[in-house]
Amino acid sequence: MTDNIVGLGDLGCHGQGIPVGKTVVYGACGVDPSWLLPITVDVGCNTDAVRDDPLYVGLPQQRIRGEKYFALMDEVVEALQVRTTIVAALDVAYLSSWSMNAGILLLS
């Protein structure tokens, strides 16, 4: 989700290019690509034109927010921690307020 990235607005799941692009940059800077996994958690889209497009592949609903959103992100992080050695950073700009609440370092 890209609603906090200046100039792009809310692209919903079509914002997946942002974490993929950042993964490429991290790899170019020397981070081992086998340690990188760009993910998008689809929580809806608040841009009507994007959400109502017949080619939009994301959830056709308004973005979830508040406690429901935080509970989902907690579940995602817990699931990643069970399946991986460590989840050191979530590289998604829209999680900045959530990360402060959860104490997770975000790289951007």
Protein backbone atom coordinates (compact mmCIF):
# COMPACT_ATOMS: atom_id res chain seq x y z
CA MET A 1 0.00 0.00 0.00
CA THR A 2 1.35 3.34 -0.95
CA ASP A 3 -0.95 5.94 0.59
CA ASN A 4 1.89 7.61 2.54
CA ILE A 5 4.36 7.75 -0.35
CA VAL A 6 4.37 11.31 -1.65
CA GLY A 7 2.81 11.69 -5.08
CA LEU A 8 1.49 8.16 -5.58
CA GLY A 9 -1.62 8.07 -3.45
CA ASP A 10 -3.31 4.82 -2.45
CA LEU A 11 -2.61 2.18 -5.11
CA GLY A 12 -3.86 -0.74 -3.04
CA CYS A 13 -2.16 -4.00 -3.95
CA HIS A 14 -0.94 -2.39 -7.19
CA GLY A 15 1.68 -0.71 -5.00
CA GLN A 16 3.65 -3.99 -4.88
CA GLY A 17 6.26 -2.42 -7.14
CA ILE A 18 7.44 -0.28 -4.22
CA PRO A 19 8.72 -3.12 -1.98
CA VAL A 20 10.06 -4.97 -5.04
CA GLY A 21 11.97 -1.86 -6.14
CA LYS A 22 13.38 -1.35 -2.64
CA THR A 23 14.51 -4.97 -2.59
CA VAL A 24 16.45 -4.35 -5.80
CA VAL A 25 18.07 -1.27 -4.26
CA TYR A 26 19.05 -3.19 -1.09
CA GLY A 27 20.56 -5.93 -3.25
CA ALA A 28 22.52 -3.37 -5.25
CA CYS A 29 23.83 -1.96 -1.96
CA GLY A 30 25.25 -5.33 -0.95
CA VAL A 31 22.45 -6.99 1.00
CA ASP A 32 22.28 -10.69 0.08
CA PRO A 33 19.10 -11.01 -2.05
CA SER A 34 18.35 -14.41 -0.50
CA TRP A 35 17.59 -12.54 2.75
CA LEU A 36 15.02 -10.24 1.11
CA LEU A 37 11.35 -10.95 0.53
CA PRO A 38 9.12 -8.13 -0.70
CA ILE A 39 5.54 -8.64 0.46
CA THR A 40 2.28 -6.76 0.29
CA VAL A 41 -0.54 -7.28 2.76
CA ASP A 42 -3.74 -6.35 0.94
CA VAL A 43 -6.00 -4.45 3.35
CA GLY A 44 -8.11 -2.71 0.73
CA CYS A 45 -7.83 0.54 -1.22
CA ASN A 46 -9.34 3.97 -0.57
CA THR A 47 -8.90 5.27 -4.14
CA ASP A 48 -12.21 4.69 -5.90
CA ALA A 49 -10.72 4.84 -9.42
CA VAL A 50 -8.16 2.14 -8.55
CA ARG A 51 -10.52 -0.07 -6.55
CA ASP A 52 -13.33 0.10 -9.12
CA ASP A 53 -11.08 -0.69 -12.09
CA PRO A 54 -12.16 -4.07 -13.54
CA LEU A 55 -8.48 -5.05 -13.82
CA TYR A 56 -7.75 -4.33 -10.13
CA VAL A 57 -6.66 -7.60 -8.49
CA GLY A 58 -6.85 -6.46 -4.86
CA LEU A 59 -9.63 -6.51 -2.30
CA PRO A 60 -12.47 -4.39 -3.69
CA GLN A 61 -13.18 -2.71 -0.36
CA GLN A 62 -12.21 0.35 1.66
CA ARG A 63 -8.89 -0.02 3.50
CA ILE A 64 -9.18 -1.38 7.03
CA ARG A 65 -7.76 0.83 9.77
CA GLY A 66 -7.47 1.09 13.51
CA GLU A 67 -7.54 -1.90 15.84
CA LYS A 68 -8.65 -4.33 13.11
CA TYR A 69 -5.61 -3.30 11.03
CA PHE A 70 -3.18 -3.58 13.96
CA ALA A 71 -4.54 -7.04 14.85
CA LEU A 72 -4.01 -8.21 11.26
CA MET A 73 -0.45 -6.84 11.16
CA ASP A 74 0.32 -8.55 14.50
CA GLU A 75 -0.92 -11.82 13.02
CA VAL A 76 1.20 -11.36 9.86
CA VAL A 77 4.37 -10.63 11.85
CA GLU A 78 3.74 -13.57 14.20
CA ALA A 79 3.23 -15.90 11.21
CA LEU A 80 6.44 -14.67 9.59
CA GLN A 81 8.37 -15.16 12.82
CA VAL A 82 7.12 -18.77 13.08
CA ARG A 83 8.19 -19.55 9.51
CA THR A 84 11.51 -17.71 9.40
CA THR A 85 14.57 -17.37 11.57
CA ILE A 86 13.99 -13.69 12.19
CA VAL A 87 11.89 -10.83 10.93
CA ALA A 88 14.27 -7.91 11.31
CA ALA A 89 12.50 -5.22 9.34
CA LEU A 90 9.30 -4.57 7.49
CA ASP A 91 9.99 -2.35 4.52
CA VAL A 92 6.60 -0.83 3.85
CA ALA A 93 6.01 2.87 4.24
CA TYR A 94 2.37 2.56 5.32
CA LEU A 95 3.31 0.62 8.47
CA SER A 96 5.20 3.51 10.08
CA SER A 97 2.52 4.30 12.67
CA TRP A 98 1.97 0.61 13.35
CA SER A 99 5.71 0.01 13.76
CA MET A 100 5.94 2.64 16.47
CA ASN A 101 3.19 0.80 18.33
CA ALA A 102 4.83 -2.63 17.80
CA GLY A 103 8.44 -1.55 18.28
CA ILE A 104 9.60 -2.74 14.84
CA LEU A 105 12.36 -1.04 12.86
CA LEU A 106 11.35 0.08 9.39
CA LEU A 107 13.88 0.63 6.63
CA SER A 108 12.94 2.95 3.80
